[in-house]
Amino acid sequence: MGVFTLIGLAGADIFIGSYLLLAMGRLSSGAPLYYGLNLLGIGMALSSHLQDLNIASAIIQSFVFGISLLGLWRWRRERVIPERA
């Protein structure tokens, strides 16, 4: 088992853990921590494709990464706009 596979497995653990915390009500779906954990986990999981490419998995993970970036951007935008008013 290569280094990138181990990094990918650790990333999957982080991603699954954040989803578990969400399902248990310990984490809000709008919380920046949720998006941050998703970005970290999916980023690490994507690194496993440097060793063994699985195109379907890479596409799904890329979309989840992008959606998490969008969520963080929206959270930041909603937080900044009320302060300007």
C-alpha atoms as a PDB file:
ATOM      1  CA  MET A   1       0.000   0.000   0.000  1.00  0.00           C
ATOM      2  CA  GLY A   2       1.497   3.304  -1.113  1.00  0.00           C
ATOM      3  CA  VAL A   3       1.777   6.600   0.719  1.00  0.00           C
ATOM      4  CA  PHE A   4      -0.901   8.247  -1.421  1.00  0.00           C
ATOM      5  CA  THR A   5      -3.304   5.398  -0.685  1.00  0.00           C
ATOM      6  CA  LEU A   6      -2.755   5.870   3.056  1.00  0.00           C
ATOM      7  CA  ILE A   7      -3.313   9.626   2.722  1.00  0.00           C
ATOM      8  CA  GLY A   8      -6.483   8.918   0.746  1.00  0.00           C
ATOM      9  CA  LEU A   9      -7.764   6.519   3.392  1.00  0.00           C
ATOM     10  CA  ALA A  10      -7.125   9.072   6.138  1.00  0.00           C
ATOM     11  CA  GLY A  11      -9.001  11.643   4.048  1.00  0.00           C
ATOM     12  CA  ALA A  12     -11.925   9.272   3.658  1.00  0.00           C
ATOM     13  CA  ASP A  13     -12.003   8.868   7.441  1.00  0.00           C
ATOM     14  CA  ILE A  14     -12.163  12.654   7.881  1.00  0.00           C
ATOM     15  CA  PHE A  15     -14.905  13.011   5.265  1.00  0.00           C
ATOM     16  CA  ILE A  16     -16.979  10.175   6.736  1.00  0.00           C
ATOM     17  CA  GLY A  17     -16.405  11.548  10.245  1.00  0.00           C
ATOM     18  CA  SER A  18     -17.699  14.987   9.284  1.00  0.00           C
ATOM     19  CA  TYR A  19     -20.793  13.423   7.740  1.00  0.00           C
ATOM     20  CA  LEU A  20     -21.323  11.333  10.875  1.00  0.00           C
ATOM     21  CA  LEU A  21     -21.047  14.445  13.079  1.00  0.00           C
ATOM     22  CA  LEU A  22     -23.602  16.146  10.829  1.00  0.00           C
ATOM     23  CA  ALA A  23     -26.008  13.194  11.054  1.00  0.00           C
ATOM     24  CA  MET A  24     -25.630  13.098  14.856  1.00  0.00           C
ATOM     25  CA  GLY A  25     -26.436  16.801  15.148  1.00  0.00           C
ATOM     26  CA  ARG A  26     -22.977  17.642  16.480  1.00  0.00           C
ATOM     27  CA  LEU A  27     -22.138  19.776  13.452  1.00  0.00           C
ATOM     28  CA  SER A  28     -24.251  22.191  11.441  1.00  0.00           C
ATOM     29  CA  SER A  29     -24.404  21.828   7.677  1.00  0.00           C
ATOM     30  CA  GLY A  30     -23.775  25.568   7.381  1.00  0.00           C
ATOM     31  CA  ALA A  31     -20.773  25.597   9.705  1.00  0.00           C
ATOM     32  CA  PRO A  32     -17.414  26.469   8.202  1.00  0.00           C
ATOM     33  CA  LEU A  33     -15.902  23.551  10.139  1.00  0.00           C
ATOM     34  CA  TYR A  34     -18.118  21.136   8.195  1.00  0.00           C
ATOM     35  CA  TYR A  35     -16.956  22.561   4.866  1.00  0.00           C
ATOM     36  CA  GLY A  36     -13.358  22.686   6.053  1.00  0.00           C
ATOM     37  CA  LEU A  37     -13.408  19.033   7.097  1.00  0.00           C
ATOM     38  CA  ASN A  38     -14.945  18.128   3.745  1.00  0.00           C
ATOM     39  CA  LEU A  39     -12.248  20.054   1.877  1.00  0.00           C
ATOM     40  CA  LEU A  40      -9.477  18.444   3.891  1.00  0.00           C
ATOM     41  CA  GLY A  41     -10.887  14.928   3.634  1.00  0.00           C
ATOM     42  CA  ILE A  42     -11.742  15.099  -0.056  1.00  0.00           C
ATOM     43  CA  GLY A  43      -8.432  16.804  -0.871  1.00  0.00           C
ATOM     44  CA  MET A  44      -6.577  13.989   0.844  1.00  0.00           C
ATOM     45  CA  ALA A  45      -8.751  11.363  -0.860  1.00  0.00           C
ATOM     46  CA  LEU A  46      -8.090  12.977  -4.236  1.00  0.00           C
ATOM     47  CA  SER A  47      -4.361  12.618  -3.640  1.00  0.00           C
ATOM     48  CA  SER A  48      -4.774   8.841  -3.756  1.00  0.00           C
ATOM     49  CA  HIS A  49      -5.558   9.208  -7.463  1.00  0.00           C
ATOM     50  CA  LEU A  50      -1.964  10.276  -8.044  1.00  0.00           C
ATOM     51  CA  GLN A  51      -1.073   6.638  -7.466  1.00  0.00           C
ATOM     52  CA  ASP A  52      -4.078   4.762  -8.908  1.00  0.00           C
ATOM     53  CA  LEU A  53      -6.566   6.760 -10.971  1.00  0.00           C
ATOM     54  CA  ASN A  54     -10.240   5.889 -10.619  1.00  0.00           C
ATOM     55  CA  ILE A  55     -11.869   8.432 -12.904  1.00  0.00           C
ATOM     56  CA  ALA A  56     -15.425   8.019 -11.561  1.00  0.00           C
ATOM     57  CA  SER A  57     -14.272   8.498  -7.972  1.00  0.00           C
ATOM     58  CA  ALA A  58     -12.069  11.445  -8.942  1.00  0.00           C
ATOM     59  CA  ILE A  59     -15.008  13.171 -10.660  1.00  0.00           C
ATOM     60  CA  ILE A  60     -17.299  12.705  -7.647  1.00  0.00           C
ATOM     61  CA  GLN A  61     -14.618  13.890  -5.230  1.00  0.00           C
ATOM     62  CA  SER A  62     -13.854  16.918  -7.415  1.00  0.00           C
ATOM     63  CA  PHE A  63     -17.506  17.952  -7.340  1.00  0.00           C
ATOM     64  CA  VAL A  64     -17.722  17.519  -3.557  1.00  0.00           C
ATOM     65  CA  PHE A  65     -14.546  19.618  -3.222  1.00  0.00           C
ATOM     66  CA  GLY A  66     -16.072  22.358  -5.403  1.00  0.00           C
ATOM     67  CA  ILE A  67     -19.389  22.271  -3.537  1.00  0.00           C
ATOM     68  CA  SER A  68     -17.538  22.601  -0.225  1.00  0.00           C
ATOM     69  CA  LEU A  69     -15.657  25.620  -1.584  1.00  0.00           C
ATOM     70  CA  LEU A  70     -19.005  27.113  -2.642  1.00  0.00           C
ATOM     71  CA  GLY A  71     -20.408  26.505   0.843  1.00  0.00           C
ATOM     72  CA  LEU A  72     -17.455  28.254   2.483  1.00  0.00           C
ATOM     73  CA  TRP A  73     -17.758  31.158   0.044  1.00  0.00           C
ATOM     74  CA  ARG A  74     -21.481  31.532   0.776  1.00  0.00           C
ATOM     75  CA  TRP A  75     -20.872  31.340   4.540  1.00  0.00           C
ATOM     76  CA  ARG A  76     -18.199  34.036   4.292  1.00  0.00           C
ATOM     77  CA  ARG A  77     -20.365  36.215   2.057  1.00  0.00           C
ATOM     78  CA  GLU A  78     -23.379  35.994   4.384  1.00  0.00           C
ATOM     79  CA  ARG A  79     -21.174  36.862   7.315  1.00  0.00           C
ATOM     80  CA  VAL A  80     -19.586  39.918   5.687  1.00  0.00           C
ATOM     81  CA  ILE A  81     -22.668  41.483   4.071  1.00  0.00           C
ATOM     82  CA  PRO A  82     -24.654  42.170   7.310  1.00  0.00           C
ATOM     83  CA  GLU A  83     -21.657  44.002   8.777  1.00  0.00           C
ATOM     84  CA  ARG A  84     -21.699  46.480   5.879  1.00  0.00           C
ATOM     85  CA  ALA A  85     -25.364  47.422   6.369  1.00  0.00           C
END
